[in-house]
Amino acid sequence: MEILYIIGNGLDIAHHMKTSYQDFFKYYLALLTTDIDVIAMKKDINHHKYETWADLEIGMGIYSSQCTDKGVFLKCLSDMKTNLKEYLKKESEKISLYRILSVSGFEYPGSFLDPEPRNRYDRFCARKGASNINVITLNYTPTLEYLLNYQNNTINITSRTTLSTIQHVHGTLDRMMVMGVNDSSQISNTNINTDLDVIEEFVKPEYNDACMNNKNTICESLIQRADVIVLYGTSLGQSDEKWWKLIGQRMSKDNFPLLVYLPYDEKKDQTAQPNHLRRWTMQSIREIREKFDIQLEEKILAYRMCVAFNKSLFQITQKTSSSAKAVN
């Protein structure tokens, strides 16, 4: 059985890292600069009060219309990316203070679900045998690699489960880090939205193609062959629409995967009253149906989806002080 995880920033937040957009921008806004273009960009971002990374990326595409030329826009983008890299490098060091206790949830996503969706999960997977896990992460940070001691090779998670690949589709802190939009239509400045320098720097799929890293092809293949797709801790923003539409196309076919949606939303408590959980679940199904452009009736999609809120993918514990000193 092929299990594909698509992982967003909720993973880092759940593991004690302040990597939300709001955390970074508070830091970024406080950094002093004399560059009038960067100051203007920061002022505009602060005015809009974005909530997620995807909101920021779409917002930067809109902000391009206020830039006099591509040089100004690319300079502002570069300033943000440079400071983001430094900020995330410091935050990502926090994971070294922890060690993993259990991978049971990662191996068996059905464990996160309530009884009825868990039964559907088990029935769907019953005849598919041992599991092979692949990961597409939208994060730049090496959280998964550290926790699982993964070094770009297939590893055994348990006797019946392997982890084959972790694909950083947006790059890593050290290599091919891209921040941007899904396509050129999301760049409002029509004077620069066909410019190759801008497209290959700010349109994420085009950036990967320009880098000749084969990430687009690899990730497309992982989606096409997955039996189970688990969406964990991602905001489903428009700036990654390519991947949501690909999943939507798979969900609409006869060889559909089971879709497990594990959003991170502090406002939703998994211990809430059953009627509240049911309402939130149906809201999530409608959101997925719309954003993924899934051509199925809501009732059918509800059968092909399982939803649970605010789950921790791994059980971790803080290392002893002596171990932490050894790591540092």
C-alpha atoms as a PDB file:
ATOM      1  CA  MET A   1       0.000   0.000   0.000  1.00  0.00           C
ATOM      2  CA  GLU A   2       1.287   3.427  -0.965  1.00  0.00           C
ATOM      3  CA  ILE A   3       0.700   6.167   1.636  1.00  0.00           C
ATOM      4  CA  LEU A   4       1.527   9.724   0.598  1.00  0.00           C
ATOM      5  CA  TYR A   5       1.812  12.481   3.191  1.00  0.00           C
ATOM      6  CA  ILE A   6       1.565  16.100   2.101  1.00  0.00           C
ATOM      7  CA  ILE A   7       2.833  18.074   5.058  1.00  0.00           C
ATOM      8  CA  GLY A   8       2.584  21.774   5.866  1.00  0.00           C
ATOM      9  CA  ASN A   9       3.725  24.148   8.568  1.00  0.00           C
ATOM     10  CA  GLY A  10       1.457  22.530  11.165  1.00  0.00           C
ATOM     11  CA  LEU A  11       4.139  19.861  11.621  1.00  0.00           C
ATOM     12  CA  ASP A  12       6.724  22.361  12.866  1.00  0.00           C
ATOM     13  CA  ILE A  13       4.204  24.218  15.020  1.00  0.00           C
ATOM     14  CA  ALA A  14       3.131  20.940  16.644  1.00  0.00           C
ATOM     15  CA  HIS A  15       6.785  20.271  17.452  1.00  0.00           C
ATOM     16  CA  HIS A  16       7.434  23.481  19.388  1.00  0.00           C
ATOM     17  CA  MET A  17       8.782  25.681  16.607  1.00  0.00           C
ATOM     18  CA  LYS A  18       7.527  29.219  16.049  1.00  0.00           C
ATOM     19  CA  THR A  19       7.350  28.942  12.288  1.00  0.00           C
ATOM     20  CA  SER A  20       3.916  30.426  11.634  1.00  0.00           C
ATOM     21  CA  TYR A  21       3.685  33.381   9.276  1.00  0.00           C
ATOM     22  CA  GLN A  22       2.731  35.677  12.175  1.00  0.00           C
ATOM     23  CA  ASP A  23       5.808  34.626  14.170  1.00  0.00           C
ATOM     24  CA  PHE A  24       8.144  35.326  11.278  1.00  0.00           C
ATOM     25  CA  PHE A  25       6.597  38.618  10.262  1.00  0.00           C
ATOM     26  CA  LYS A  26       6.763  39.979  13.808  1.00  0.00           C
ATOM     27  CA  TYR A  27      10.504  39.258  13.660  1.00  0.00           C
ATOM     28  CA  TYR A  28      10.879  40.592  10.111  1.00  0.00           C
ATOM     29  CA  LEU A  29       8.979  43.800  10.777  1.00  0.00           C
ATOM     30  CA  ALA A  30      11.316  44.600  13.672  1.00  0.00           C
ATOM     31  CA  LEU A  31      14.455  44.307  11.527  1.00  0.00           C
ATOM     32  CA  LEU A  32      15.872  47.722  10.663  1.00  0.00           C
ATOM     33  CA  THR A  33      16.465  48.670   7.044  1.00  0.00           C
ATOM     34  CA  THR A  34      17.169  51.869   5.126  1.00  0.00           C
ATOM     35  CA  ASP A  35      15.907  50.512   1.794  1.00  0.00           C
ATOM     36  CA  ILE A  36      12.793  52.512   0.919  1.00  0.00           C
ATOM     37  CA  ASP A  37      11.407  49.734  -1.293  1.00  0.00           C
ATOM     38  CA  VAL A  38      11.682  47.130   1.454  1.00  0.00           C
ATOM     39  CA  ILE A  39      10.149  49.566   3.947  1.00  0.00           C
ATOM     40  CA  ALA A  40       7.207  50.119   1.598  1.00  0.00           C
ATOM     41  CA  MET A  41       6.728  46.360   1.149  1.00  0.00           C
ATOM     42  CA  LYS A  42       6.749  45.753   4.903  1.00  0.00           C
ATOM     43  CA  LYS A  43       4.220  48.528   5.417  1.00  0.00           C
ATOM     44  CA  ASP A  44       1.898  47.010   2.834  1.00  0.00           C
ATOM     45  CA  ILE A  45       2.164  43.500   4.307  1.00  0.00           C
ATOM     46  CA  ASN A  46       1.544  44.814   7.801  1.00  0.00           C
ATOM     47  CA  HIS A  47      -1.563  46.638   6.562  1.00  0.00           C
ATOM     48  CA  HIS A  48      -3.134  43.469   5.155  1.00  0.00           C
ATOM     49  CA  LYS A  49      -2.721  41.336   8.316  1.00  0.00           C
ATOM     50  CA  TYR A  50      -2.227  38.048   6.486  1.00  0.00           C
ATOM     51  CA  GLU A  51      -2.883  34.856   8.433  1.00  0.00           C
ATOM     52  CA  THR A  52      -0.941  32.144   6.584  1.00  0.00           C
ATOM     53  CA  TRP A  53       2.153  31.693   4.446  1.00  0.00           C
ATOM     54  CA  ALA A  54      -0.068  31.109   1.424  1.00  0.00           C
ATOM     55  CA  ASP A  55      -1.858  34.417   2.119  1.00  0.00           C
ATOM     56  CA  LEU A  56       1.522  36.162   2.142  1.00  0.00           C
ATOM     57  CA  GLU A  57       2.588  34.594  -1.150  1.00  0.00           C
ATOM     58  CA  ILE A  58      -0.651  35.590  -2.866  1.00  0.00           C
ATOM     59  CA  GLY A  59      -0.303  39.025  -1.243  1.00  0.00           C
ATOM     60  CA  MET A  60       3.198  39.432  -2.671  1.00  0.00           C
ATOM     61  CA  GLY A  61       1.810  38.661  -6.116  1.00  0.00           C
ATOM     62  CA  ILE A  62      -0.733  41.440  -5.640  1.00  0.00           C
ATOM     63  CA  TYR A  63       1.932  43.782  -4.231  1.00  0.00           C
ATOM     64  CA  SER A  64       3.948  43.404  -7.447  1.00  0.00           C
ATOM     65  CA  SER A  65       1.576  45.936  -9.033  1.00  0.00           C
ATOM     66  CA  GLN A  66       3.056  48.593  -6.749  1.00  0.00           C
ATOM     67  CA  CYS A  67       6.636  47.893  -7.879  1.00  0.00           C
ATOM     68  CA  THR A  68       7.989  50.175 -10.590  1.00  0.00           C
ATOM     69  CA  ASP A  69       9.952  47.383 -12.274  1.00  0.00           C
ATOM     70  CA  LYS A  70      11.038  43.780 -11.836  1.00  0.00           C
ATOM     71  CA  GLY A  71      14.253  44.846 -10.122  1.00  0.00           C
ATOM     72  CA  VAL A  72      12.337  46.389  -7.222  1.00  0.00           C
ATOM     73  CA  PHE A  73      10.064  43.383  -6.901  1.00  0.00           C
ATOM     74  CA  LEU A  74      12.870  40.807  -6.993  1.00  0.00           C
ATOM     75  CA  LYS A  75      14.911  42.865  -4.507  1.00  0.00           C
ATOM     76  CA  CYS A  76      12.019  42.900  -2.031  1.00  0.00           C
ATOM     77  CA  LEU A  77      11.437  39.184  -2.519  1.00  0.00           C
ATOM     78  CA  SER A  78      15.136  38.460  -1.997  1.00  0.00           C
ATOM     79  CA  ASP A  79      15.224  40.501   1.223  1.00  0.00           C
ATOM     80  CA  MET A  80      12.287  38.567   2.632  1.00  0.00           C
ATOM     81  CA  LYS A  81      13.672  35.170   1.628  1.00  0.00           C
ATOM     82  CA  THR A  82      17.129  35.923   3.033  1.00  0.00           C
ATOM     83  CA  ASN A  83      15.727  36.916   6.413  1.00  0.00           C
ATOM     84  CA  LEU A  84      13.230  34.051   6.405  1.00  0.00           C
ATOM     85  CA  LYS A  85      16.066  31.594   5.876  1.00  0.00           C
ATOM     86  CA  GLU A  86      17.981  32.977   8.851  1.00  0.00           C
ATOM     87  CA  TYR A  87      14.890  32.964  11.044  1.00  0.00           C
ATOM     88  CA  LEU A  88      13.914  29.392  10.187  1.00  0.00           C
ATOM     89  CA  LYS A  89      17.454  28.103  10.649  1.00  0.00           C
ATOM     90  CA  LYS A  90      17.362  29.285  14.255  1.00  0.00           C
ATOM     91  CA  GLU A  91      13.873  27.906  14.848  1.00  0.00           C
ATOM     92  CA  SER A  92      14.686  24.543  13.280  1.00  0.00           C
ATOM     93  CA  GLU A  93      17.493  24.030  15.796  1.00  0.00           C
ATOM     94  CA  LYS A  94      14.836  23.544  18.483  1.00  0.00           C
ATOM     95  CA  ILE A  95      13.941  20.084  17.185  1.00  0.00           C
ATOM     96  CA  SER A  96      17.365  18.829  18.269  1.00  0.00           C
ATOM     97  CA  LEU A  97      16.175  19.198  21.879  1.00  0.00           C
ATOM     98  CA  TYR A  98      13.653  16.401  21.345  1.00  0.00           C
ATOM     99  CA  ARG A  99      13.672  12.735  20.513  1.00  0.00           C
ATOM    100  CA  ILE A 100      10.968  10.552  19.057  1.00  0.00           C
ATOM    101  CA  LEU A 101       9.027   8.115  21.238  1.00  0.00           C
ATOM    102  CA  SER A 102       6.629   6.600  18.722  1.00  0.00           C
ATOM    103  CA  VAL A 103       5.909   6.592  14.997  1.00  0.00           C
ATOM    104  CA  SER A 104       2.660   4.622  15.362  1.00  0.00           C
ATOM    105  CA  GLY A 105       0.458   7.454  14.093  1.00  0.00           C
ATOM    106  CA  PHE A 106       2.758   8.173  11.165  1.00  0.00           C
ATOM    107  CA  GLU A 107       2.727   4.491  10.212  1.00  0.00           C
ATOM    108  CA  TYR A 108      -1.023   4.091  10.723  1.00  0.00           C
ATOM    109  CA  PRO A 109      -2.937   7.340  10.019  1.00  0.00           C
ATOM    110  CA  GLY A 110      -6.171   5.547  10.883  1.00  0.00           C
ATOM    111  CA  SER A 111      -5.202   5.848  14.549  1.00  0.00           C
ATOM    112  CA  PHE A 112      -6.030   9.568  14.436  1.00  0.00           C
ATOM    113  CA  LEU A 113      -9.628   8.938  13.418  1.00  0.00           C
ATOM    114  CA  ASP A 114     -12.877   8.442  15.320  1.00  0.00           C
ATOM    115  CA  PRO A 115     -14.439   4.956  15.164  1.00  0.00           C
ATOM    116  CA  GLU A 116     -16.615   5.415  12.065  1.00  0.00           C
ATOM    117  CA  PRO A 117     -13.968   6.941   9.764  1.00  0.00           C
ATOM    118  CA  ARG A 118     -11.372   4.543  11.214  1.00  0.00           C
ATOM    119  CA  ASN A 119     -13.551   1.621  10.137  1.00  0.00           C
ATOM    120  CA  ARG A 120     -13.718   3.083   6.634  1.00  0.00           C
ATOM    121  CA  TYR A 121      -9.942   3.527   6.641  1.00  0.00           C
ATOM    122  CA  ASP A 122      -9.369  -0.066   7.749  1.00  0.00           C
ATOM    123  CA  ARG A 123     -11.785  -1.482   5.192  1.00  0.00           C
ATOM    124  CA  PHE A 124     -10.159   0.517   2.414  1.00  0.00           C
ATOM    125  CA  CYS A 125      -6.646  -0.638   3.369  1.00  0.00           C
ATOM    126  CA  ALA A 126      -7.458  -4.205   4.431  1.00  0.00           C
ATOM    127  CA  ARG A 127      -6.202  -5.980   1.295  1.00  0.00           C
ATOM    128  CA  LYS A 128      -3.308  -3.732   0.393  1.00  0.00           C
ATOM    129  CA  GLY A 129      -0.576  -5.374   2.489  1.00  0.00           C
ATOM    130  CA  ALA A 130       2.566  -3.738   3.870  1.00  0.00           C
ATOM    131  CA  SER A 131       2.890   0.038   3.649  1.00  0.00           C
ATOM    132  CA  ASN A 132       5.353   2.210   1.799  1.00  0.00           C
ATOM    133  CA  ILE A 133       5.312   5.876   2.855  1.00  0.00           C
ATOM    134  CA  ASN A 134       6.339   8.834   0.721  1.00  0.00           C
ATOM    135  CA  VAL A 135       6.302  12.475   1.812  1.00  0.00           C
ATOM    136  CA  ILE A 136       5.832  15.734  -0.042  1.00  0.00           C
ATOM    137  CA  THR A 137       6.620  18.504   2.408  1.00  0.00           C
ATOM    138  CA  LEU A 138       5.803  22.157   1.784  1.00  0.00           C
ATOM    139  CA  ASN A 139       8.264  23.131   4.534  1.00  0.00           C
ATOM    140  CA  TYR A 140      11.890  24.209   4.184  1.00  0.00           C
ATOM    141  CA  THR A 141      12.883  22.834   7.575  1.00  0.00           C
ATOM    142  CA  PRO A 142      14.525  19.399   8.158  1.00  0.00           C
ATOM    143  CA  THR A 143      12.141  18.355  10.948  1.00  0.00           C
ATOM    144  CA  LEU A 144      11.169  15.016   9.422  1.00  0.00           C
ATOM    145  CA  GLU A 145      14.735  14.126   8.488  1.00  0.00           C
ATOM    146  CA  TYR A 146      15.895  14.765  12.036  1.00  0.00           C
ATOM    147  CA  LEU A 147      13.089  12.919  13.810  1.00  0.00           C
ATOM    148  CA  LEU A 148      13.285   9.868  11.548  1.00  0.00           C
ATOM    149  CA  ASN A 149      17.053   9.920  10.999  1.00  0.00           C
ATOM    150  CA  TYR A 150      16.353  10.009   7.277  1.00  0.00           C
ATOM    151  CA  GLN A 151      19.313  10.633   4.965  1.00  0.00           C
ATOM    152  CA  ASN A 152      17.883  10.422   1.445  1.00  0.00           C
ATOM    153  CA  ASN A 153      17.588   6.643   1.463  1.00  0.00           C
ATOM    154  CA  THR A 154      14.784   4.149   2.020  1.00  0.00           C
ATOM    155  CA  ILE A 155      14.477   3.267   5.698  1.00  0.00           C
ATOM    156  CA  ASN A 156      12.373   0.824   7.691  1.00  0.00           C
ATOM    157  CA  ILE A 157       9.906   2.565   9.990  1.00  0.00           C
ATOM    158  CA  THR A 158       8.647  -0.772  11.340  1.00  0.00           C
ATOM    159  CA  SER A 159       8.792  -4.357  10.118  1.00  0.00           C
ATOM    160  CA  ARG A 160       5.823  -3.690   7.813  1.00  0.00           C
ATOM    161  CA  THR A 161       6.397  -0.065   6.864  1.00  0.00           C
ATOM    162  CA  THR A 162       9.126   1.686   4.886  1.00  0.00           C
ATOM    163  CA  LEU A 163       9.786   5.348   4.180  1.00  0.00           C
ATOM    164  CA  SER A 164      11.047   5.805   0.623  1.00  0.00           C
ATOM    165  CA  THR A 165      11.359   9.526   0.013  1.00  0.00           C
ATOM    166  CA  ILE A 166      10.890  12.992   1.483  1.00  0.00           C
ATOM    167  CA  GLN A 167      10.447  15.567  -1.266  1.00  0.00           C
ATOM    168  CA  HIS A 168      10.847  19.230  -0.286  1.00  0.00           C
ATOM    169  CA  VAL A 169       8.811  20.628  -3.153  1.00  0.00           C
ATOM    170  CA  HIS A 170       9.607  24.226  -2.105  1.00  0.00           C
ATOM    171  CA  GLY A 171      13.274  23.481  -1.477  1.00  0.00           C
ATOM    172  CA  THR A 172      15.187  23.466   1.807  1.00  0.00           C
ATOM    173  CA  LEU A 173      16.937  26.064   3.914  1.00  0.00           C
ATOM    174  CA  ASP A 174      20.209  25.158   2.207  1.00  0.00           C
ATOM    175  CA  ARG A 175      19.106  24.472  -1.338  1.00  0.00           C
ATOM    176  CA  MET A 176      16.599  25.743  -3.941  1.00  0.00           C
ATOM    177  CA  MET A 177      14.345  27.583  -1.485  1.00  0.00           C
ATOM    178  CA  VAL A 178      11.405  29.082  -3.350  1.00  0.00           C
ATOM    179  CA  MET A 179       8.694  31.430  -2.127  1.00  0.00           C
ATOM    180  CA  GLY A 180       6.017  32.378  -4.590  1.00  0.00           C
ATOM    181  CA  VAL A 181       2.722  31.760  -6.325  1.00  0.00           C
ATOM    182  CA  ASN A 182       1.172  28.917  -8.276  1.00  0.00           C
ATOM    183  CA  ASP A 183       1.123  30.559 -11.720  1.00  0.00           C
ATOM    184  CA  SER A 184       1.761  33.883 -13.460  1.00  0.00           C
ATOM    185  CA  SER A 185      -1.922  34.902 -13.278  1.00  0.00           C
ATOM    186  CA  GLN A 186      -1.346  35.446  -9.545  1.00  0.00           C
ATOM    187  CA  ILE A 187       1.234  38.193 -10.309  1.00  0.00           C
ATOM    188  CA  SER A 188      -0.834  41.370 -10.643  1.00  0.00           C
ATOM    189  CA  ASN A 189       1.795  43.517 -12.341  1.00  0.00           C
ATOM    190  CA  THR A 190       1.189  42.831 -16.033  1.00  0.00           C
ATOM    191  CA  ASN A 191       4.456  44.551 -16.922  1.00  0.00           C
ATOM    192  CA  ILE A 192       6.474  41.807 -15.242  1.00  0.00           C
ATOM    193  CA  ASN A 193       4.223  38.734 -15.009  1.00  0.00           C
ATOM    194  CA  THR A 194       5.532  37.367 -18.321  1.00  0.00           C
ATOM    195  CA  ASP A 195       9.173  38.178 -17.588  1.00  0.00           C
ATOM    196  CA  LEU A 196      11.227  34.966 -17.337  1.00  0.00           C
ATOM    197  CA  ASP A 197      13.348  36.276 -14.458  1.00  0.00           C
ATOM    198  CA  VAL A 198      10.226  36.916 -12.406  1.00  0.00           C
ATOM    199  CA  ILE A 199       8.438  33.715 -13.446  1.00  0.00           C
ATOM    200  CA  GLU A 200      11.423  31.465 -12.746  1.00  0.00           C
ATOM    201  CA  GLU A 201      11.988  33.101  -9.358  1.00  0.00           C
ATOM    202  CA  PHE A 202       8.433  33.611  -8.090  1.00  0.00           C
ATOM    203  CA  VAL A 203       6.216  30.975  -9.773  1.00  0.00           C
ATOM    204  CA  LYS A 204       6.924  27.813  -7.778  1.00  0.00           C
ATOM    205  CA  PRO A 205       6.402  25.108 -10.437  1.00  0.00           C
ATOM    206  CA  GLU A 206       8.390  27.180 -12.949  1.00  0.00           C
ATOM    207  CA  TYR A 207      11.186  27.635 -10.404  1.00  0.00           C
ATOM    208  CA  ASN A 208      11.489  23.857  -9.990  1.00  0.00           C
ATOM    209  CA  ASP A 209      11.562  23.366 -13.752  1.00  0.00           C
ATOM    210  CA  ALA A 210      14.214  26.074 -14.126  1.00  0.00           C
ATOM    211  CA  CYS A 211      16.337  24.343 -11.465  1.00  0.00           C
ATOM    212  CA  MET A 212      15.988  21.060 -13.407  1.00  0.00           C
ATOM    213  CA  ASN A 213      15.478  19.248 -10.101  1.00  0.00           C
ATOM    214  CA  ASN A 214      12.722  16.927 -11.382  1.00  0.00           C
ATOM    215  CA  LYS A 215      10.625  17.692  -8.286  1.00  0.00           C
ATOM    216  CA  ASN A 216       7.445  18.436 -10.227  1.00  0.00           C
ATOM    217  CA  THR A 217       7.583  15.126 -12.079  1.00  0.00           C
ATOM    218  CA  ILE A 218       8.447  13.117  -8.958  1.00  0.00           C
ATOM    219  CA  CYS A 219       5.665  14.668  -6.874  1.00  0.00           C
ATOM    220  CA  GLU A 220       3.106  14.310  -9.654  1.00  0.00           C
ATOM    221  CA  SER A 221       3.977  10.603  -9.847  1.00  0.00           C
ATOM    222  CA  LEU A 222       3.640  10.173  -6.074  1.00  0.00           C
ATOM    223  CA  ILE A 223       0.132  11.651  -6.195  1.00  0.00           C
ATOM    224  CA  GLN A 224      -0.901   9.494  -9.136  1.00  0.00           C
ATOM    225  CA  ARG A 225       0.066   6.197  -7.523  1.00  0.00           C
ATOM    226  CA  ALA A 226      -0.940   6.832  -3.902  1.00  0.00           C
ATOM    227  CA  ASP A 227      -3.553   4.571  -2.296  1.00  0.00           C
ATOM    228  CA  VAL A 228      -3.935   6.912   0.686  1.00  0.00           C
ATOM    229  CA  ILE A 229      -3.167  10.651   0.668  1.00  0.00           C
ATOM    230  CA  VAL A 230      -2.778  12.302   4.062  1.00  0.00           C
ATOM    231  CA  LEU A 231      -2.923  16.105   4.231  1.00  0.00           C
ATOM    232  CA  TYR A 232      -1.298  17.183   7.476  1.00  0.00           C
ATOM    233  CA  GLY A 233      -1.013  20.705   8.851  1.00  0.00           C
ATOM    234  CA  THR A 234      -1.340  22.570   5.552  1.00  0.00           C
ATOM    235  CA  SER A 235      -3.527  25.597   4.863  1.00  0.00           C
ATOM    236  CA  LEU A 236      -4.524  24.512   1.309  1.00  0.00           C
ATOM    237  CA  GLY A 237      -3.635  27.966  -0.016  1.00  0.00           C
ATOM    238  CA  GLN A 238      -3.952  29.168  -3.616  1.00  0.00           C
ATOM    239  CA  SER A 239      -0.190  29.433  -4.002  1.00  0.00           C
ATOM    240  CA  ASP A 240       0.001  25.618  -4.142  1.00  0.00           C
ATOM    241  CA  GLU A 241      -3.086  25.138  -6.282  1.00  0.00           C
ATOM    242  CA  LYS A 242      -1.217  22.848  -8.690  1.00  0.00           C
ATOM    243  CA  TRP A 243      -1.030  20.074  -6.103  1.00  0.00           C
ATOM    244  CA  TRP A 244      -4.603  20.468  -4.864  1.00  0.00           C
ATOM    245  CA  LYS A 245      -5.950  20.231  -8.409  1.00  0.00           C
ATOM    246  CA  LEU A 246      -3.903  17.099  -9.099  1.00  0.00           C
ATOM    247  CA  ILE A 247      -5.340  15.453  -5.995  1.00  0.00           C
ATOM    248  CA  GLY A 248      -8.807  16.607  -7.052  1.00  0.00           C
ATOM    249  CA  GLN A 249      -8.375  14.905 -10.397  1.00  0.00           C
ATOM    250  CA  ARG A 250      -7.373  11.660  -8.689  1.00  0.00           C
ATOM    251  CA  MET A 251     -10.310  11.838  -6.291  1.00  0.00           C
ATOM    252  CA  SER A 252     -12.688  12.117  -9.234  1.00  0.00           C
ATOM    253  CA  LYS A 253     -11.475   8.910 -10.894  1.00  0.00           C
ATOM    254  CA  ASP A 254     -12.442   5.283 -10.330  1.00  0.00           C
ATOM    255  CA  ASN A 255      -9.003   4.437  -8.894  1.00  0.00           C
ATOM    256  CA  PHE A 256      -9.415   7.126  -6.228  1.00  0.00           C
ATOM    257  CA  PRO A 257      -7.224   7.208  -3.115  1.00  0.00           C
ATOM    258  CA  LEU A 258      -8.615   7.536   0.380  1.00  0.00           C
ATOM    259  CA  LEU A 259      -8.079  11.148   1.455  1.00  0.00           C
ATOM    260  CA  VAL A 260      -7.214  11.732   5.121  1.00  0.00           C
ATOM    261  CA  TYR A 261      -7.324  15.397   6.140  1.00  0.00           C
ATOM    262  CA  LEU A 262      -5.579  16.325   9.402  1.00  0.00           C
ATOM    263  CA  PRO A 263      -5.754  20.134   9.675  1.00  0.00           C
ATOM    264  CA  TYR A 264      -4.149  22.127  12.457  1.00  0.00           C
ATOM    265  CA  ASP A 265      -6.654  24.630  13.845  1.00  0.00           C
ATOM    266  CA  GLU A 266      -6.382  25.703  17.480  1.00  0.00           C
ATOM    267  CA  LYS A 267      -9.992  26.900  17.386  1.00  0.00           C
ATOM    268  CA  LYS A 268     -11.256  23.359  16.814  1.00  0.00           C
ATOM    269  CA  ASP A 269     -11.082  20.921  19.729  1.00  0.00           C
ATOM    270  CA  GLN A 270     -11.247  17.215  18.865  1.00  0.00           C
ATOM    271  CA  THR A 271     -12.932  16.589  22.238  1.00  0.00           C
ATOM    272  CA  ALA A 272     -15.827  18.908  21.353  1.00  0.00           C
ATOM    273  CA  GLN A 273     -19.420  17.712  21.203  1.00  0.00           C
ATOM    274  CA  PRO A 274     -20.065  15.190  18.389  1.00  0.00           C
ATOM    275  CA  ASN A 275     -22.442  17.544  16.586  1.00  0.00           C
ATOM    276  CA  HIS A 276     -19.711  20.205  16.482  1.00  0.00           C
ATOM    277  CA  LEU A 277     -17.178  17.720  15.147  1.00  0.00           C
ATOM    278  CA  ARG A 278     -19.637  16.605  12.490  1.00  0.00           C
ATOM    279  CA  ARG A 279     -20.236  20.209  11.431  1.00  0.00           C
ATOM    280  CA  TRP A 280     -16.513  20.969  11.245  1.00  0.00           C
ATOM    281  CA  THR A 281     -15.905  17.782   9.293  1.00  0.00           C
ATOM    282  CA  MET A 282     -18.525  18.672   6.705  1.00  0.00           C
ATOM    283  CA  GLN A 283     -17.113  22.196   6.449  1.00  0.00           C
ATOM    284  CA  SER A 284     -13.686  20.660   5.729  1.00  0.00           C
ATOM    285  CA  ILE A 285     -15.148  18.349   3.086  1.00  0.00           C
ATOM    286  CA  ARG A 286     -16.837  21.284   1.345  1.00  0.00           C
ATOM    287  CA  GLU A 287     -13.600  23.287   1.504  1.00  0.00           C
ATOM    288  CA  ILE A 288     -11.620  20.418  -0.044  1.00  0.00           C
ATOM    289  CA  ARG A 289     -14.280  19.881  -2.732  1.00  0.00           C
ATOM    290  CA  GLU A 290     -14.142  23.557  -3.741  1.00  0.00           C
ATOM    291  CA  LYS A 291     -10.387  24.166  -3.518  1.00  0.00           C
ATOM    292  CA  PHE A 292      -9.457  20.867  -5.180  1.00  0.00           C
ATOM    293  CA  ASP A 293     -12.161  21.245  -7.857  1.00  0.00           C
ATOM    294  CA  ILE A 294     -13.384  17.707  -7.149  1.00  0.00           C
ATOM    295  CA  GLN A 295     -16.126  16.637  -9.535  1.00  0.00           C
ATOM    296  CA  LEU A 296     -18.070  14.492  -7.063  1.00  0.00           C
ATOM    297  CA  GLU A 297     -21.238  14.936  -5.086  1.00  0.00           C
ATOM    298  CA  GLU A 298     -20.605  15.998  -1.499  1.00  0.00           C
ATOM    299  CA  LYS A 299     -22.032  12.717  -0.160  1.00  0.00           C
ATOM    300  CA  ILE A 300     -19.663  10.620  -2.281  1.00  0.00           C
ATOM    301  CA  LEU A 301     -16.642  12.710  -1.337  1.00  0.00           C
ATOM    302  CA  ALA A 302     -17.588  12.429   2.349  1.00  0.00           C
ATOM    303  CA  TYR A 303     -17.309   8.643   2.006  1.00  0.00           C
ATOM    304  CA  ARG A 304     -13.879   8.949   0.373  1.00  0.00           C
ATOM    305  CA  MET A 305     -12.541  11.319   3.044  1.00  0.00           C
ATOM    306  CA  CYS A 306     -11.626  11.052   6.734  1.00  0.00           C
ATOM    307  CA  VAL A 307     -11.068  14.147   8.894  1.00  0.00           C
ATOM    308  CA  ALA A 308      -9.534  14.733  12.340  1.00  0.00           C
ATOM    309  CA  PHE A 309      -8.276  17.938  13.948  1.00  0.00           C
ATOM    310  CA  ASN A 310      -5.059  18.943  15.746  1.00  0.00           C
ATOM    311  CA  LYS A 311      -3.270  15.606  15.808  1.00  0.00           C
ATOM    312  CA  SER A 312       0.451  15.185  16.511  1.00  0.00           C
ATOM    313  CA  LEU A 313       2.101  13.118  13.816  1.00  0.00           C
ATOM    314  CA  PHE A 314       4.764  11.826  16.194  1.00  0.00           C
ATOM    315  CA  GLN A 315       5.076  11.334  19.921  1.00  0.00           C
ATOM    316  CA  ILE A 316       8.197  13.161  21.066  1.00  0.00           C
ATOM    317  CA  THR A 317       9.789  13.971  24.386  1.00  0.00           C
ATOM    318  CA  GLN A 318      12.427  16.438  25.478  1.00  0.00           C
ATOM    319  CA  LYS A 319      15.886  15.018  25.798  1.00  0.00           C
ATOM    320  CA  THR A 320      17.627  14.970  29.160  1.00  0.00           C
ATOM    321  CA  SER A 321      19.846  17.952  29.857  1.00  0.00           C
ATOM    322  CA  SER A 322      22.990  15.864  29.312  1.00  0.00           C
ATOM    323  CA  SER A 323      21.718  14.617  25.944  1.00  0.00           C
ATOM    324  CA  ALA A 324      20.736  18.103  24.881  1.00  0.00           C
ATOM    325  CA  LYS A 325      24.220  19.399  25.756  1.00  0.00           C
ATOM    326  CA  ALA A 326      25.736  16.613  23.703  1.00  0.00           C
ATOM    327  CA  VAL A 327      23.615  17.602  20.697  1.00  0.00           C
ATOM    328  CA  ASN A 328      24.503  21.257  21.099  1.00  0.00           C
END
